[in-house]
Protein backbone atom coordinates (compact mmCIF):
# COMPACT_ATOMS: atom_id res chain seq x y z
CA MET A 1 -72.06 51.85 115.58
CA ASP A 2 -72.01 53.11 119.46
CA PHE A 3 -69.06 54.99 120.99
CA ASN A 4 -67.32 52.53 122.36
CA SER A 5 -67.35 50.33 119.02
CA ASN A 6 -65.93 53.77 117.36
CA VAL A 7 -63.13 53.73 119.77
CA GLY A 8 -62.23 49.86 119.48
CA SER A 9 -61.81 50.17 115.99
CA GLU A 10 -59.52 53.46 116.35
CA ILE A 11 -57.56 51.57 118.34
CA ASP A 12 -56.85 47.98 116.71
CA GLY A 13 -56.37 49.87 113.42
CA ALA A 14 -53.63 52.63 115.50
CA LEU A 15 -52.25 49.20 116.89
CA ALA A 16 -52.31 47.29 113.67
CA ASN A 17 -50.13 50.14 111.79
CA ASP A 18 -47.76 50.63 114.78
CA PHE A 19 -44.15 51.28 113.20
CA LEU A 20 -42.99 47.90 115.74
CA VAL A 21 -45.98 45.97 115.65
CA MET A 22 -46.21 46.23 112.01
CA SER A 23 -42.53 45.21 111.69
CA LYS A 24 -43.54 41.75 113.81
CA ARG A 25 -46.42 41.43 111.21
CA ASP A 26 -44.57 41.65 108.77
CA LYS A 27 -41.82 39.37 110.17
CA HIS A 28 -44.56 36.42 110.57
CA GLY A 29 -46.72 37.47 107.88
CA ALA A 30 -49.87 38.69 110.33
CA LYS A 31 -52.29 40.08 107.51
CA GLY A 32 -55.35 41.75 108.45
CA HIS A 33 -58.80 41.94 106.46
CA SER A 34 -57.30 43.38 103.06
CA ARG A 35 -55.30 40.11 103.12
CA LYS A 36 -52.56 41.69 101.99
CA HIS A 37 -48.43 40.90 103.32
CA PRO A 38 -47.93 44.07 106.10
CA GLU A 39 -45.24 46.23 105.47
CA ASN A 40 -44.50 49.91 106.88
CA VAL A 41 -45.31 52.34 104.20
CA PHE A 42 -44.28 56.19 104.92
CA THR A 43 -45.52 58.42 102.48
CA ASN A 44 -43.77 61.52 103.99
CA ALA A 45 -40.39 60.36 103.07
CA SER A 46 -37.89 62.25 101.09
CA ASN A 47 -35.10 62.51 98.87
CA ALA A 48 -31.92 63.64 101.25
CA GLU A 49 -30.32 65.34 98.19
CA ASN A 50 -33.23 67.51 96.89
CA GLY A 51 -36.00 67.22 98.67
CA GLU A 52 -38.44 65.35 96.21
CA THR A 53 -41.43 63.36 98.24
CA LEU A 54 -40.31 60.01 97.82
CA HIS A 55 -43.03 56.81 98.85
CA VAL A 56 -41.35 54.25 101.00
CA THR A 57 -42.46 50.39 101.36
CA LEU A 58 -40.12 48.87 104.06
CA GLY A 59 -40.56 45.01 104.54
CA GLN A 60 -38.43 42.05 106.19
CA VAL A 61 -39.89 40.33 103.32
CA ARG A 62 -39.37 42.57 100.06
CA GLY A 63 -36.70 44.92 101.49
CA LEU A 64 -36.60 48.51 100.84
CA ARG A 65 -38.49 50.16 97.73
CA LEU A 66 -39.13 53.47 96.22
CA TRP A 67 -41.71 55.32 94.28
CA ASP A 68 -41.84 58.65 93.00
CA PRO A 69 -45.20 60.16 93.10
CA LYS A 70 -44.61 63.04 91.11
CA GLN A 71 -42.99 61.06 88.57
CA LYS A 72 -45.07 58.13 88.99
CA ARG A 73 -42.79 55.16 88.51
CA ASP A 74 -40.60 52.90 90.78
CA VAL A 75 -37.13 54.31 91.52
CA THR A 76 -35.88 51.70 93.89
CA GLY A 77 -32.48 50.71 93.58
CA GLN A 78 -31.09 54.13 92.38
CA GLY A 79 -28.69 54.87 95.02
CA GLN A 80 -30.72 57.94 96.68
CA LYS A 81 -30.53 58.78 100.03
CA VAL A 82 -33.36 58.89 101.61
CA ASN A 83 -34.66 60.96 104.89
CA ILE A 84 -38.03 58.66 106.83
CA GLY A 85 -39.57 60.40 109.33
CA PHE A 86 -42.35 58.20 111.70
CA LYS A 87 -44.00 58.48 114.97
CA VAL A 88 -44.40 56.02 117.62
CA ASP A 89 -48.49 56.59 119.72
CA LEU A 90 -47.42 56.19 123.51
CA ASP A 91 -50.49 56.11 123.87
CA VAL A 92 -52.09 53.40 121.70
CA THR A 93 -50.75 50.25 123.71
CA LEU A 94 -52.36 51.12 126.89
CA ARG A 95 -55.33 52.12 125.24
CA PHE A 96 -55.54 48.66 123.38
CA VAL A 97 -54.43 47.08 126.84
CA ALA A 98 -57.19 48.51 128.45
CA LYS A 99 -59.67 47.70 125.64
CA VAL A 100 -58.68 43.86 126.01
CA ALA A 101 -59.21 44.03 130.53
CA LEU A 102 -62.82 44.98 129.73
CA SER A 103 -63.28 42.07 127.27
CA ALA A 104 -61.15 39.52 129.26
CA GLY A 105 -61.44 40.58 132.63
CA TYR A 106 -65.48 39.43 131.66
CA LEU A 107 -64.95 36.78 129.54
CA VAL A 108 -63.08 35.05 132.65
CA TYR A 109 -64.85 36.48 135.42
CA GLY A 110 -68.11 37.21 134.46
CA ASP A 111 -70.10 39.43 137.75
CA HIS A 112 -67.53 38.74 139.78
CA PHE A 113 -65.22 41.33 137.49
CA ARG A 114 -68.50 43.30 136.86
CA LYS A 115 -69.31 43.72 140.70
CA HIS A 116 -65.75 43.96 142.54
CA VAL A 117 -63.26 45.57 139.91
CA LYS A 118 -62.59 49.00 139.49
CA HIS A 119 -63.26 48.48 135.71
CA GLU A 120 -64.05 51.88 135.09
CA ASP A 121 -60.46 52.53 135.15
CA PHE A 122 -60.32 50.52 132.07
CA ARG A 123 -62.68 51.99 130.23
CA LYS A 124 -61.28 55.67 131.01
CA ILE A 125 -57.82 55.06 129.29
CA MET A 126 -59.73 53.47 126.45
CA ASN A 127 -62.10 56.27 125.19
CA GLN A 128 -59.52 59.27 126.27
CA ARG A 129 -55.99 59.40 125.57
CA PRO A 130 -54.19 59.09 128.73
CA THR A 131 -52.09 61.93 128.06
CA GLU A 132 -54.18 64.39 127.12
CA MET A 133 -56.78 63.51 130.10
CA GLY A 134 -55.47 66.67 132.26
CA ASP A 135 -56.94 66.12 135.86
CA LEU A 136 -59.42 62.81 134.89
CA LEU A 137 -56.06 61.41 135.23
CA LYS A 138 -56.48 61.37 139.17
CA THR A 139 -59.38 60.06 139.38
CA ILE A 140 -57.92 56.70 138.09
CA GLU A 141 -55.91 54.33 140.18
CA ALA A 142 -55.29 51.87 137.86
CA GLN A 143 -51.16 51.29 138.18
CA TYR A 144 -49.51 50.34 134.40
CA ASP A 145 -46.29 49.42 132.61
CA ASP A 146 -45.84 49.23 128.91
CA ARG A 147 -43.32 48.52 126.14
CA PHE A 148 -41.30 51.81 126.33
CA LEU A 149 -40.33 51.36 130.39
CA GLU A 150 -37.85 49.37 131.99
CA PRO A 151 -38.74 46.68 134.20
CA GLN A 152 -38.43 47.53 137.64
CA THR A 153 -38.77 44.41 139.26
CA ASP A 154 -38.40 40.79 139.29
CA ASN A 155 -42.40 40.51 138.61
CA GLN A 156 -42.63 42.47 136.31
CA LYS A 157 -39.56 40.58 134.64
CA ILE A 158 -41.30 37.87 134.72
CA LEU A 159 -44.59 38.45 133.06
CA ARG A 160 -42.00 40.29 130.36
CA ALA A 161 -40.72 36.42 130.23
CA MET A 162 -44.55 35.41 130.01
CA MET A 163 -45.55 37.48 126.68
CA THR A 164 -42.83 36.45 124.47
CA GLY A 165 -42.54 32.59 125.63
CA PHE A 166 -45.06 31.19 123.01
CA GLY A 167 -43.26 32.59 119.58
CA PRO A 168 -44.88 34.46 117.20
CA HIS A 169 -48.26 34.59 119.12
CA SER A 170 -50.41 37.36 121.24
CA VAL A 171 -50.89 36.43 124.75
CA ILE A 172 -53.14 37.56 127.17
CA ALA A 173 -52.97 37.18 131.62
CA LEU A 174 -55.44 37.69 134.03
CA ILE A 175 -53.66 37.66 137.05
CA PRO A 176 -55.80 38.82 140.28
CA ASN A 177 -54.31 39.20 143.77
CA SER A 178 -55.60 40.01 147.23
CA ARG A 179 -56.56 43.86 146.40
CA SER A 180 -55.82 44.11 142.11
CA LEU A 181 -56.80 42.49 138.99
CA SER A 182 -53.56 42.57 136.75
CA VAL A 183 -53.94 42.10 132.80
CA VAL A 184 -50.94 41.42 130.58
CA VAL A 185 -50.77 41.42 126.92
CA GLY A 186 -48.58 40.23 123.96
CA VAL A 187 -48.77 40.64 120.71
CA LEU A 188 -46.85 38.42 118.40
CA GLY A 189 -43.94 37.60 120.74
CA ASP A 190 -43.45 40.93 121.93
CA TYR A 191 -44.73 42.77 125.30
CA ILE A 192 -46.96 45.59 124.96
CA GLY A 193 -48.35 46.61 128.61
CA MET A 194 -50.24 45.78 131.87
CA LEU A 195 -52.81 47.55 133.82
CA SER A 196 -54.05 46.53 136.97
CA ALA A 197 -56.87 47.85 138.56
CA PRO A 198 -58.26 48.12 142.69
CA ALA A 199 -60.44 44.57 142.91
CA ASP A 200 -61.92 42.41 146.22
CA THR A 201 -60.62 39.78 144.52
CA LYS A 202 -62.17 37.39 147.56
CA THR A 203 -64.64 35.64 145.36
CA PHE A 204 -62.91 35.34 142.47
CA PRO A 205 -62.50 31.11 141.50
CA ASN A 206 -59.24 30.33 142.20
CA THR A 207 -58.53 26.41 141.43
CA GLY A 208 -58.08 24.35 138.56
CA GLU A 209 -58.37 26.35 135.22
CA TYR A 210 -58.32 29.86 137.52
CA ARG A 211 -55.52 28.94 139.80
CA GLN A 212 -53.33 32.31 140.40
CA GLY A 213 -55.16 33.77 137.47
CA GLN A 214 -55.97 32.76 133.76
CA PHE A 215 -53.49 32.91 130.45
CA PHE A 216 -55.46 32.77 126.87
CA VAL A 217 -52.47 32.03 124.10
CA LEU A 218 -54.31 33.14 121.11
CA LYS A 219 -52.96 30.42 118.69
CA LYS A 220 -54.81 28.64 115.10
CA PRO A 221 -56.74 27.18 115.05
CA VAL A 222 -57.99 27.16 118.92
CA ALA A 223 -56.34 29.58 121.51
CA ILE A 224 -54.82 28.17 124.62
CA ARG A 225 -56.70 29.04 127.68
CA ASP A 226 -55.01 27.59 131.30
CA SER A 227 -54.21 28.78 134.56
CA ILE A 228 -51.24 30.92 135.60
CA TRP A 229 -50.05 28.21 138.09
CA ASN A 230 -49.53 25.71 134.98
CA LEU A 231 -47.36 28.53 133.03
CA ARG A 232 -45.46 28.97 135.63
CA GLU A 233 -44.45 25.85 136.36
CA GLN A 234 -44.18 25.15 132.28
CA MET A 235 -42.04 28.11 132.50
CA ILE A 236 -39.98 26.88 135.79
CA LYS A 237 -39.57 23.32 133.79
CA ARG A 238 -37.78 24.81 130.77
CA ALA A 239 -35.45 26.67 132.27
CA GLU A 240 -34.81 23.95 134.36
CA GLU A 241 -33.87 21.69 130.82
CA PHE A 242 -32.44 24.75 129.41
CA PHE A 243 -29.78 24.80 132.41
CA ALA A 244 -29.47 20.86 132.44
CA LYS A 245 -28.32 20.84 128.71
CA ARG A 246 -25.85 23.84 129.38
CA SER A 247 -24.22 21.66 132.51
């Protein structure tokens, strides 16, 4: 297995176990390879009164459960106050978006993507943690946005709405303009992030299913694939219908 494959597996695993993503997986029953129902598990929790270690399982379906590893028994419902600590990986979402951008960009645009997009920026972000890049970060021209940042423009607000308008499904959008290619990703109905790399898109297809870019809704059994233009038209129609019902 090569380096990129190892990195890809590391990123997928980290995102799948991210506290916020795991909560969405729990809510929608999005099982992984284990086929078990996903839940957040905290093995470093503790009893707030005596400091003894507790293992905490927290889910929206089965609720809160406590396990005492010292006594090797379930202690749920005994009135304990519990301290739980967890970390959020600030790099994993951008690394995941970069990974998606590399695969989806080539899938949709083929040699146009390979020859005319600065995709090495995506590769650098995927292969290394942006918060640990140091001087290498200065070589990256790609612009980014992620789930923890406040949207600064109307366009960013629209892109986020696009990612959340398909229920509990994951969404990918590729949007070219004259100087860049933007890749936007949503996971299980939540916006994850966006990367926009410098590109010369003059030769990119821009008619039919490619008009203004493409989007995918990863919906079983068959993924939806259509143009960004059609997606925007659908969003406008839904908004008009919504306001018509309220008037």
